[in-house]
């Protein structure tokens, strides 16, 4: 379901109650600044959620808890400053895009267990500190798109292939945590 550029300002309870089999929801380029905690409750089959270029300033774990099949989420181009611990704990994320926001710190538990996370896009934020344990837990992390941040200015592709060297590149970020 593609609802791109529809001037949507909020997602409220029951908005998708008749979309139980929906696998892809694109809400990009709207004006969304409010999502109620139960807005996505009926979307148990959702694999892809795109909230690119909206007006979100925060995230709430309750939005994502029912989305146990979620593989890919795009939260880029918002004004998100923090990812509460456990926000993606219930998800099966492989790809997370949260570029061009206002993130400053990535904590170990910011993205849940990270069991299947393969690619993360955090470029263009204001990241100045990273928890080293974040990368120790991300055992399948392959691509870390992180250019244009305060403590790192490059993308790291093939992250696990050269783990020790890549961890050295991130040392300035670890030192600030």
Protein backbone atom coordinates (compact mmCIF):
# COMPACT_ATOMS: atom_id res chain seq x y z
CA UNK A 1 0.00 0.00 0.00
CA UNK A 2 1.64 3.21 -1.15
CA UNK A 3 0.35 6.39 0.51
CA UNK A 4 3.29 8.59 -0.47
CA UNK A 5 2.74 12.37 -0.55
CA UNK A 6 -0.81 12.44 0.77
CA UNK A 7 -0.33 15.15 3.43
CA UNK A 8 -1.11 12.62 6.17
CA UNK A 9 -0.44 14.20 9.57
CA UNK A 10 -1.30 11.36 11.95
CA UNK A 11 -1.79 7.60 12.08
CA UNK A 12 -4.43 6.65 14.61
CA UNK A 13 -5.95 3.53 16.11
CA UNK A 14 -7.68 1.33 13.56
CA UNK A 15 -6.26 3.12 10.52
CA UNK A 16 -5.22 -0.23 9.01
CA UNK A 17 -7.70 -2.60 10.70
CA UNK A 18 -8.84 -4.02 7.33
CA UNK A 19 -5.27 -4.59 6.09
CA UNK A 20 -4.29 -7.65 8.13
CA UNK A 21 -2.40 -9.29 5.24
CA UNK A 22 -0.56 -6.12 4.21
CA UNK A 23 3.16 -6.75 3.70
CA UNK A 24 4.38 -3.33 2.55
CA UNK A 25 3.25 0.06 3.85
CA UNK A 26 4.76 3.20 2.34
CA UNK A 27 3.93 6.43 4.15
CA UNK A 28 6.84 8.46 2.76
CA UNK A 29 6.81 12.21 2.15
CA UNK A 30 3.81 13.00 4.30
CA UNK A 31 3.61 15.26 7.35
CA UNK A 32 3.23 12.55 9.98
CA UNK A 33 4.06 13.79 13.45
CA UNK A 34 1.66 11.69 15.52
CA UNK A 35 1.26 7.92 15.64
CA UNK A 36 -0.91 6.39 18.35
CA UNK A 37 0.56 3.43 20.24
CA UNK A 38 -1.85 0.95 18.65
CA UNK A 39 -1.86 2.34 15.11
CA UNK A 40 -0.07 -0.67 13.60
CA UNK A 41 -1.61 -3.39 15.81
CA UNK A 42 -3.45 -5.16 12.99
CA UNK A 43 -0.41 -5.32 10.67
CA UNK A 44 0.94 -8.68 11.84
CA UNK A 45 2.15 -9.62 8.33
CA UNK A 46 3.98 -6.37 7.59
CA UNK A 47 7.52 -6.86 6.21
CA UNK A 48 8.34 -3.33 5.08
CA UNK A 49 7.45 -0.01 6.68
CA UNK A 50 8.55 3.26 5.07
CA UNK A 51 8.15 6.48 7.05
CA UNK A 52 10.77 8.42 5.06
CA UNK A 53 10.59 12.23 5.15
CA UNK A 54 7.92 12.90 7.72
CA UNK A 55 7.93 14.99 10.89
CA UNK A 56 8.55 12.38 13.56
CA UNK A 57 10.57 13.67 16.51
CA UNK A 58 10.48 10.53 18.64
CA UNK A 59 9.85 6.80 18.46
CA UNK A 60 7.71 4.67 20.73
CA UNK A 61 8.39 0.94 21.20
CA UNK A 62 4.62 0.28 21.23
CA UNK A 63 4.41 1.23 17.54
CA UNK A 64 6.67 -1.62 16.49
CA UNK A 65 5.90 -4.38 19.03
CA UNK A 66 3.08 -5.97 16.99
CA UNK A 67 5.24 -6.00 13.84
CA UNK A 68 7.04 -9.28 14.51
CA UNK A 69 7.52 -9.99 10.77
CA UNK A 70 9.08 -6.59 10.05
CA UNK A 71 12.26 -6.97 7.96
CA UNK A 72 12.87 -3.45 6.76
CA UNK A 73 12.05 -0.03 8.15
CA UNK A 74 12.89 3.39 6.79
CA UNK A 75 12.76 6.26 9.28
CA UNK A 76 15.17 8.51 7.40
CA UNK A 77 14.52 12.19 6.92
CA UNK A 78 12.67 12.83 10.16
CA UNK A 79 13.79 14.68 13.31
CA UNK A 80 14.37 11.69 15.59
CA UNK A 81 16.92 12.41 18.33
CA UNK A 82 16.82 9.16 20.31
CA UNK A 83 15.91 5.52 19.93
CA UNK A 84 14.39 4.29 23.20
CA UNK A 85 15.77 0.99 24.43
CA UNK A 86 13.68 -1.90 23.15
CA UNK A 87 12.11 0.03 20.28
CA UNK A 88 12.75 -2.80 17.81
CA UNK A 89 13.03 -5.66 20.31
CA UNK A 90 10.15 -7.68 18.88
CA UNK A 91 11.15 -7.28 15.24
CA UNK A 92 13.09 -9.43 12.83
CA UNK A 93 14.88 -6.47 11.23
CA UNK A 94 17.41 -7.04 8.48
CA UNK A 95 17.57 -3.44 7.26
CA UNK A 96 17.15 -0.27 9.29
CA UNK A 97 17.35 3.16 7.70
CA UNK A 98 17.39 6.04 10.15
CA UNK A 99 19.63 8.43 8.23
CA UNK A 100 19.39 12.23 8.28
CA UNK A 101 17.80 12.53 11.69
CA UNK A 102 19.24 14.03 14.87
CA UNK A 103 20.69 10.94 16.55
CA UNK A 104 23.70 11.59 18.79
CA UNK A 105 24.30 8.23 20.51
CA UNK A 106 23.77 4.58 19.56
CA UNK A 107 23.27 2.38 22.61
CA UNK A 108 23.69 -1.38 22.71
CA UNK A 109 19.97 -2.00 23.13
CA UNK A 110 18.75 0.69 20.75
CA UNK A 111 17.76 -1.81 18.09
CA UNK A 112 16.69 -4.86 20.09
CA UNK A 113 18.64 -8.08 19.86
CA UNK A 114 20.16 -7.27 16.44
CA UNK A 115 20.12 -10.96 15.67
CA UNK A 116 19.41 -10.57 11.95
CA UNK A 117 20.39 -6.94 11.31
CA UNK A 118 22.43 -6.89 8.10
CA UNK A 119 22.39 -3.23 7.08
CA UNK A 120 21.98 -0.04 9.07
CA UNK A 121 21.86 3.47 7.64
CA UNK A 122 22.67 6.20 10.18
CA UNK A 123 24.49 8.59 7.86
CA UNK A 124 23.83 12.31 8.15
CA UNK A 125 23.00 12.33 11.85
CA UNK A 126 24.99 13.96 14.66
CA UNK A 127 26.37 10.74 16.14
CA UNK A 128 29.23 11.42 18.50
CA UNK A 129 29.18 8.25 20.62
CA UNK A 130 28.70 4.52 20.06
CA UNK A 131 28.45 1.68 22.53
CA UNK A 132 31.12 -0.88 21.51
CA UNK A 133 28.79 -3.71 22.56
CA UNK A 134 26.36 -2.65 19.84
CA UNK A 135 28.74 -4.12 17.25
CA UNK A 136 29.62 -7.19 19.27
CA UNK A 137 25.93 -8.14 19.32
CA UNK A 138 25.31 -7.37 15.63
CA UNK A 139 26.76 -10.66 14.43
CA UNK A 140 25.34 -10.43 10.88
CA UNK A 141 26.02 -6.74 10.33
CA UNK A 142 27.45 -6.38 6.86
CA UNK A 143 26.94 -2.71 5.97
CA UNK A 144 27.18 0.24 8.36
CA UNK A 145 26.32 3.41 6.43
CA UNK A 146 27.54 6.11 8.80
CA UNK A 147 29.16 8.92 6.82
CA UNK A 148 28.57 12.55 7.78
CA UNK A 149 28.40 12.09 11.53
CA UNK A 150 30.51 13.78 14.20
CA UNK A 151 32.71 10.85 15.23
CA UNK A 152 32.72 8.93 11.96
CA UNK A 153 32.76 10.25 8.45
CA UNK A 154 32.69 7.11 6.35
CA UNK A 155 30.59 4.11 5.45
CA UNK A 156 31.83 0.64 6.37
CA UNK A 157 30.89 -2.09 3.92
CA UNK A 158 31.72 -5.71 4.64
CA UNK A 159 31.80 -4.91 8.35
CA UNK A 160 32.23 -8.46 9.65
CA UNK A 161 34.77 -9.33 6.96
CA UNK A 162 37.36 -7.07 8.58
CA UNK A 163 35.89 -6.76 12.07
CA UNK A 164 39.00 -5.74 14.03
CA UNK A 165 40.08 -3.05 11.57
CA UNK A 166 36.56 -1.67 11.38
CA UNK A 167 36.29 -1.55 15.14
CA UNK A 168 39.52 0.50 15.13
CA UNK A 169 37.91 2.99 12.73
CA UNK A 170 35.12 3.46 15.27
CA UNK A 171 37.42 3.96 18.27
CA UNK A 172 36.78 7.76 18.43
CA UNK A 173 33.06 7.00 18.75
CA UNK A 174 33.64 4.39 21.46
CA UNK A 175 35.84 6.76 23.43
CA UNK A 176 32.95 9.25 23.68
CA UNK A 177 30.44 6.74 25.03
